[in-house]
Amino acid sequence: MCEVHTARLRALGVQGVDQPTQDPKPSTGPLRASHGLLAAGPHLGGSMGVRPHGPPCGLPSPRVDPESQPMRVTIRNHNWDLSFVDRLPSGDAGEMDPIGVPSKEIRVALQQTSVDVIDTLIHELLHAALPDISEEAIAETATDIARVLHRLGVRVEHAK
């Protein structure tokens, strides 16, 4: 791993960054985000050193099955379990539990285009962060952010 990535990971408090990392199955595609569903394409070059083919500086690119255990996320001091599922029973693109529920979950359906999965994820996260904001403002903001991320090359690997 290069010095830039090592320093950034140390600053984030990641343990063991000085140990060499080996990706057991080298990636031939774009860099994967740590949860394995998002992929950053070649448009994200620059200071981070993201390359279009494989992870930079030997960083591993783990893949996670979308049907695996939920990812624990914290939004404005509230813990949420984030799940990506093939389809939701309601037929909706995404859904979340009320903020007052002790074990809160956000669920995002993958039976959408990549940009729509990103839009839905941002939409639900905005609801979790800003519950008093209108649905119209949340929807418009989520779509705008999703479009920017999509233009930058962010994709969801398991979307339809």
C-alpha atoms as a PDB file:
ATOM      1  CA  MET A   1       0.000   0.000   0.000  1.00  0.00           C
ATOM      2  CA  CYS A   2       1.352   3.455  -0.825  1.00  0.00           C
ATOM      3  CA  GLU A   3       2.266   6.024   1.835  1.00  0.00           C
ATOM      4  CA  VAL A   4      -0.737   8.224   0.995  1.00  0.00           C
ATOM      5  CA  HIS A   5      -3.250   5.424   1.606  1.00  0.00           C
ATOM      6  CA  THR A   6      -1.390   4.230   4.698  1.00  0.00           C
ATOM      7  CA  ALA A   7      -1.434   7.736   6.183  1.00  0.00           C
ATOM      8  CA  ARG A   8      -5.137   8.210   5.384  1.00  0.00           C
ATOM      9  CA  LEU A   9      -6.063   4.883   6.942  1.00  0.00           C
ATOM     10  CA  ARG A  10      -3.946   5.616  10.038  1.00  0.00           C
ATOM     11  CA  ALA A  11      -5.714   9.000  10.371  1.00  0.00           C
ATOM     12  CA  LEU A  12      -9.042   7.156  10.307  1.00  0.00           C
ATOM     13  CA  GLY A  13      -7.845   4.896  13.133  1.00  0.00           C
ATOM     14  CA  VAL A  14      -7.657   1.706  11.050  1.00  0.00           C
ATOM     15  CA  GLN A  15      -5.558  -0.959  12.776  1.00  0.00           C
ATOM     16  CA  GLY A  16      -2.800  -2.887  11.002  1.00  0.00           C
ATOM     17  CA  VAL A  17      -2.335  -0.551   8.047  1.00  0.00           C
ATOM     18  CA  ASP A  18       1.403  -1.127   8.101  1.00  0.00           C
ATOM     19  CA  GLN A  19       0.876  -4.806   7.335  1.00  0.00           C
ATOM     20  CA  PRO A  20       1.070  -5.790   3.666  1.00  0.00           C
ATOM     21  CA  THR A  21      -2.325  -6.567   2.169  1.00  0.00           C
ATOM     22  CA  GLN A  22      -2.988  -9.202  -0.425  1.00  0.00           C
ATOM     23  CA  ASP A  23      -6.158  -9.447  -2.435  1.00  0.00           C
ATOM     24  CA  PRO A  24      -6.732 -13.224  -2.658  1.00  0.00           C
ATOM     25  CA  LYS A  25      -8.353 -12.813  -6.048  1.00  0.00           C
ATOM     26  CA  PRO A  26      -6.902  -9.796  -7.840  1.00  0.00           C
ATOM     27  CA  SER A  27      -9.542  -7.590  -9.369  1.00  0.00           C
ATOM     28  CA  THR A  28      -9.633  -7.076 -13.095  1.00  0.00           C
ATOM     29  CA  GLY A  29     -12.437  -4.566 -12.801  1.00  0.00           C
ATOM     30  CA  PRO A  30     -12.846  -1.210 -11.108  1.00  0.00           C
ATOM     31  CA  LEU A  31     -12.088  -0.487  -7.465  1.00  0.00           C
ATOM     32  CA  ARG A  32     -14.739  -1.826  -5.101  1.00  0.00           C
ATOM     33  CA  ALA A  33     -15.877   0.061  -2.024  1.00  0.00           C
ATOM     34  CA  SER A  34     -15.361  -1.669   1.314  1.00  0.00           C
ATOM     35  CA  HIS A  35     -18.852  -3.206   1.441  1.00  0.00           C
ATOM     36  CA  GLY A  36     -18.424  -4.666  -2.018  1.00  0.00           C
ATOM     37  CA  LEU A  37     -21.528  -3.279  -3.704  1.00  0.00           C
ATOM     38  CA  LEU A  38     -20.291   0.032  -5.045  1.00  0.00           C
ATOM     39  CA  ALA A  39     -17.623   0.307  -7.682  1.00  0.00           C
ATOM     40  CA  ALA A  40     -15.730   3.468  -8.538  1.00  0.00           C
ATOM     41  CA  GLY A  41     -14.782   3.732 -12.180  1.00  0.00           C
ATOM     42  CA  PRO A  42     -11.897   5.374 -14.010  1.00  0.00           C
ATOM     43  CA  HIS A  43     -13.357   8.873 -13.690  1.00  0.00           C
ATOM     44  CA  LEU A  44     -12.298   8.991 -10.036  1.00  0.00           C
ATOM     45  CA  GLY A  45      -8.582   9.460 -10.637  1.00  0.00           C
ATOM     46  CA  GLY A  46      -6.610  12.284  -9.116  1.00  0.00           C
ATOM     47  CA  SER A  47      -5.302  12.586  -5.596  1.00  0.00           C
ATOM     48  CA  MET A  48      -6.689   9.230  -4.421  1.00  0.00           C
ATOM     49  CA  GLY A  49      -4.847   7.428  -7.190  1.00  0.00           C
ATOM     50  CA  VAL A  50      -7.829   5.320  -8.212  1.00  0.00           C
ATOM     51  CA  ARG A  51      -7.000   3.299 -11.315  1.00  0.00           C
ATOM     52  CA  PRO A  52      -9.550   1.905 -13.735  1.00  0.00           C
ATOM     53  CA  HIS A  53      -8.173  -1.641 -13.497  1.00  0.00           C
ATOM     54  CA  GLY A  54      -7.765  -3.025 -10.026  1.00  0.00           C
ATOM     55  CA  PRO A  55      -7.302  -1.531  -6.610  1.00  0.00           C
ATOM     56  CA  PRO A  56      -4.633   1.153  -6.076  1.00  0.00           C
ATOM     57  CA  CYS A  57      -1.436   0.281  -4.274  1.00  0.00           C
ATOM     58  CA  GLY A  58      -2.465  -3.313  -3.595  1.00  0.00           C
ATOM     59  CA  LEU A  59      -5.549  -2.420  -1.517  1.00  0.00           C
ATOM     60  CA  PRO A  60      -7.869  -5.426  -1.263  1.00  0.00           C
ATOM     61  CA  SER A  61     -11.210  -5.252  -3.032  1.00  0.00           C
ATOM     62  CA  PRO A  62     -13.550  -7.379  -0.938  1.00  0.00           C
ATOM     63  CA  ARG A  63     -16.896  -8.463  -2.343  1.00  0.00           C
ATOM     64  CA  VAL A  64     -19.940  -9.031  -0.190  1.00  0.00           C
ATOM     65  CA  ASP A  65     -23.018 -10.954  -1.252  1.00  0.00           C
ATOM     66  CA  PRO A  66     -25.991  -8.549  -1.175  1.00  0.00           C
ATOM     67  CA  GLU A  67     -27.997 -11.185   0.662  1.00  0.00           C
ATOM     68  CA  SER A  68     -25.401 -11.421   3.465  1.00  0.00           C
ATOM     69  CA  GLN A  69     -25.622  -9.915   6.939  1.00  0.00           C
ATOM     70  CA  PRO A  70     -26.735  -6.284   7.169  1.00  0.00           C
ATOM     71  CA  MET A  71     -24.068  -3.601   7.396  1.00  0.00           C
ATOM     72  CA  ARG A  72     -24.184  -1.553  10.616  1.00  0.00           C
ATOM     73  CA  VAL A  73     -24.179   2.201   9.884  1.00  0.00           C
ATOM     74  CA  THR A  74     -24.526   5.201  12.164  1.00  0.00           C
ATOM     75  CA  ILE A  75     -26.507   8.203  10.976  1.00  0.00           C
ATOM     76  CA  ARG A  76     -26.640  11.185  13.345  1.00  0.00           C
ATOM     77  CA  ASN A  77     -25.953   9.023  16.407  1.00  0.00           C
ATOM     78  CA  HIS A  78     -28.562   6.405  15.472  1.00  0.00           C
ATOM     79  CA  ASN A  79     -27.467   2.890  14.547  1.00  0.00           C
ATOM     80  CA  TRP A  80     -29.080   1.276  11.530  1.00  0.00           C
ATOM     81  CA  ASP A  81     -28.726  -2.114   9.884  1.00  0.00           C
ATOM     82  CA  LEU A  82     -28.388  -1.515   6.138  1.00  0.00           C
ATOM     83  CA  SER A  83     -29.527  -4.404   3.942  1.00  0.00           C
ATOM     84  CA  PHE A  84     -29.460  -4.838   0.187  1.00  0.00           C
ATOM     85  CA  VAL A  85     -32.055  -7.354  -0.965  1.00  0.00           C
ATOM     86  CA  ASP A  86     -33.161  -8.626  -4.346  1.00  0.00           C
ATOM     87  CA  ARG A  87     -36.731  -7.355  -3.908  1.00  0.00           C
ATOM     88  CA  LEU A  88     -38.797  -5.889  -1.093  1.00  0.00           C
ATOM     89  CA  PRO A  89     -42.140  -7.561  -0.252  1.00  0.00           C
ATOM     90  CA  SER A  90     -43.838  -4.163  -0.588  1.00  0.00           C
ATOM     91  CA  GLY A  91     -42.508  -3.725  -4.124  1.00  0.00           C
ATOM     92  CA  ASP A  92     -40.913  -0.424  -3.095  1.00  0.00           C
ATOM     93  CA  ALA A  93     -37.374   0.565  -4.048  1.00  0.00           C
ATOM     94  CA  GLY A  94     -36.400   1.143  -0.427  1.00  0.00           C
ATOM     95  CA  GLU A  95     -37.824   1.283   3.048  1.00  0.00           C
ATOM     96  CA  MET A  96     -36.755   2.028   6.578  1.00  0.00           C
ATOM     97  CA  ASP A  97     -38.021   1.486  10.081  1.00  0.00           C
ATOM     98  CA  PRO A  98     -39.194   4.469  12.134  1.00  0.00           C
ATOM     99  CA  ILE A  99     -36.425   6.257  14.019  1.00  0.00           C
ATOM    100  CA  GLY A 100     -38.018   5.436  17.398  1.00  0.00           C
ATOM    101  CA  VAL A 101     -37.660   1.665  16.873  1.00  0.00           C
ATOM    102  CA  PRO A 102     -34.734   0.183  18.887  1.00  0.00           C
ATOM    103  CA  SER A 103     -33.431  -2.116  16.112  1.00  0.00           C
ATOM    104  CA  LYS A 104     -33.706   0.079  13.045  1.00  0.00           C
ATOM    105  CA  GLU A 105     -33.159  -1.217   9.527  1.00  0.00           C
ATOM    106  CA  ILE A 106     -32.847   0.370   6.086  1.00  0.00           C
ATOM    107  CA  ARG A 107     -33.579  -1.961   3.168  1.00  0.00           C
ATOM    108  CA  VAL A 108     -32.733  -1.224  -0.468  1.00  0.00           C
ATOM    109  CA  ALA A 109     -33.938  -3.371  -3.374  1.00  0.00           C
ATOM    110  CA  LEU A 110     -31.361  -4.272  -6.015  1.00  0.00           C
ATOM    111  CA  GLN A 111     -33.944  -4.895  -8.758  1.00  0.00           C
ATOM    112  CA  GLN A 112     -33.334  -1.382 -10.079  1.00  0.00           C
ATOM    113  CA  THR A 113     -30.730   0.192 -12.304  1.00  0.00           C
ATOM    114  CA  SER A 114     -27.418   1.053 -10.663  1.00  0.00           C
ATOM    115  CA  VAL A 115     -28.172   4.789 -10.514  1.00  0.00           C
ATOM    116  CA  ASP A 116     -31.611   4.052  -9.028  1.00  0.00           C
ATOM    117  CA  VAL A 117     -30.102   1.861  -6.281  1.00  0.00           C
ATOM    118  CA  ILE A 118     -27.695   4.702  -5.436  1.00  0.00           C
ATOM    119  CA  ASP A 119     -30.612   7.170  -5.482  1.00  0.00           C
ATOM    120  CA  THR A 120     -32.679   4.919  -3.197  1.00  0.00           C
ATOM    121  CA  LEU A 121     -29.802   4.406  -0.771  1.00  0.00           C
ATOM    122  CA  ILE A 122     -29.156   8.145  -0.516  1.00  0.00           C
ATOM    123  CA  HIS A 123     -32.908   8.781  -0.213  1.00  0.00           C
ATOM    124  CA  GLU A 124     -33.282   6.416   2.742  1.00  0.00           C
ATOM    125  CA  LEU A 125     -30.087   7.694   4.404  1.00  0.00           C
ATOM    126  CA  LEU A 126     -31.351  11.277   4.096  1.00  0.00           C
ATOM    127  CA  HIS A 127     -34.630  10.256   5.747  1.00  0.00           C
ATOM    128  CA  ALA A 128     -32.621   8.677   8.576  1.00  0.00           C
ATOM    129  CA  ALA A 129     -30.463  11.792   8.970  1.00  0.00           C
ATOM    130  CA  LEU A 130     -33.161  14.430   8.460  1.00  0.00           C
ATOM    131  CA  PRO A 131     -36.552  12.974   9.420  1.00  0.00           C
ATOM    132  CA  ASP A 132     -38.306  16.371   9.439  1.00  0.00           C
ATOM    133  CA  ILE A 133     -37.415  17.252   5.829  1.00  0.00           C
ATOM    134  CA  SER A 134     -40.196  16.972   3.260  1.00  0.00           C
ATOM    135  CA  GLU A 135     -40.434  13.951   0.964  1.00  0.00           C
ATOM    136  CA  GLU A 136     -40.103  16.267  -2.037  1.00  0.00           C
ATOM    137  CA  ALA A 137     -36.844  17.786  -0.763  1.00  0.00           C
ATOM    138  CA  ILE A 138     -35.434  14.338   0.123  1.00  0.00           C
ATOM    139  CA  ALA A 139     -36.360  12.874  -3.274  1.00  0.00           C
ATOM    140  CA  GLU A 140     -34.944  15.803  -5.245  1.00  0.00           C
ATOM    141  CA  THR A 141     -31.699  15.924  -3.239  1.00  0.00           C
ATOM    142  CA  ALA A 142     -31.149  12.160  -3.398  1.00  0.00           C
ATOM    143  CA  THR A 143     -31.651  12.131  -7.157  1.00  0.00           C
ATOM    144  CA  ASP A 144     -29.260  15.057  -7.652  1.00  0.00           C
ATOM    145  CA  ILE A 145     -26.533  13.413  -5.530  1.00  0.00           C
ATOM    146  CA  ALA A 146     -27.047  10.036  -7.231  1.00  0.00           C
ATOM    147  CA  ARG A 147     -26.632  11.624 -10.667  1.00  0.00           C
ATOM    148  CA  VAL A 148     -23.357  13.272  -9.614  1.00  0.00           C
ATOM    149  CA  LEU A 149     -22.007  10.003  -8.178  1.00  0.00           C
ATOM    150  CA  HIS A 150     -23.096   8.127 -11.302  1.00  0.00           C
ATOM    151  CA  ARG A 151     -21.323  10.681 -13.526  1.00  0.00           C
ATOM    152  CA  LEU A 152     -18.199  10.129 -11.405  1.00  0.00           C
ATOM    153  CA  GLY A 153     -18.382   6.416 -12.185  1.00  0.00           C
ATOM    154  CA  VAL A 154     -19.962   4.999  -9.020  1.00  0.00           C
ATOM    155  CA  ARG A 155     -21.920   1.835  -9.831  1.00  0.00           C
ATOM    156  CA  VAL A 156     -23.735  -0.858  -7.880  1.00  0.00           C
ATOM    157  CA  GLU A 157     -22.393  -4.239  -8.979  1.00  0.00           C
ATOM    158  CA  HIS A 158     -25.437  -6.332  -8.148  1.00  0.00           C
ATOM    159  CA  ALA A 159     -28.086  -4.006  -9.586  1.00  0.00           C
ATOM    160  CA  LYS A 160     -30.109  -5.164 -12.571  1.00  0.00           C
END
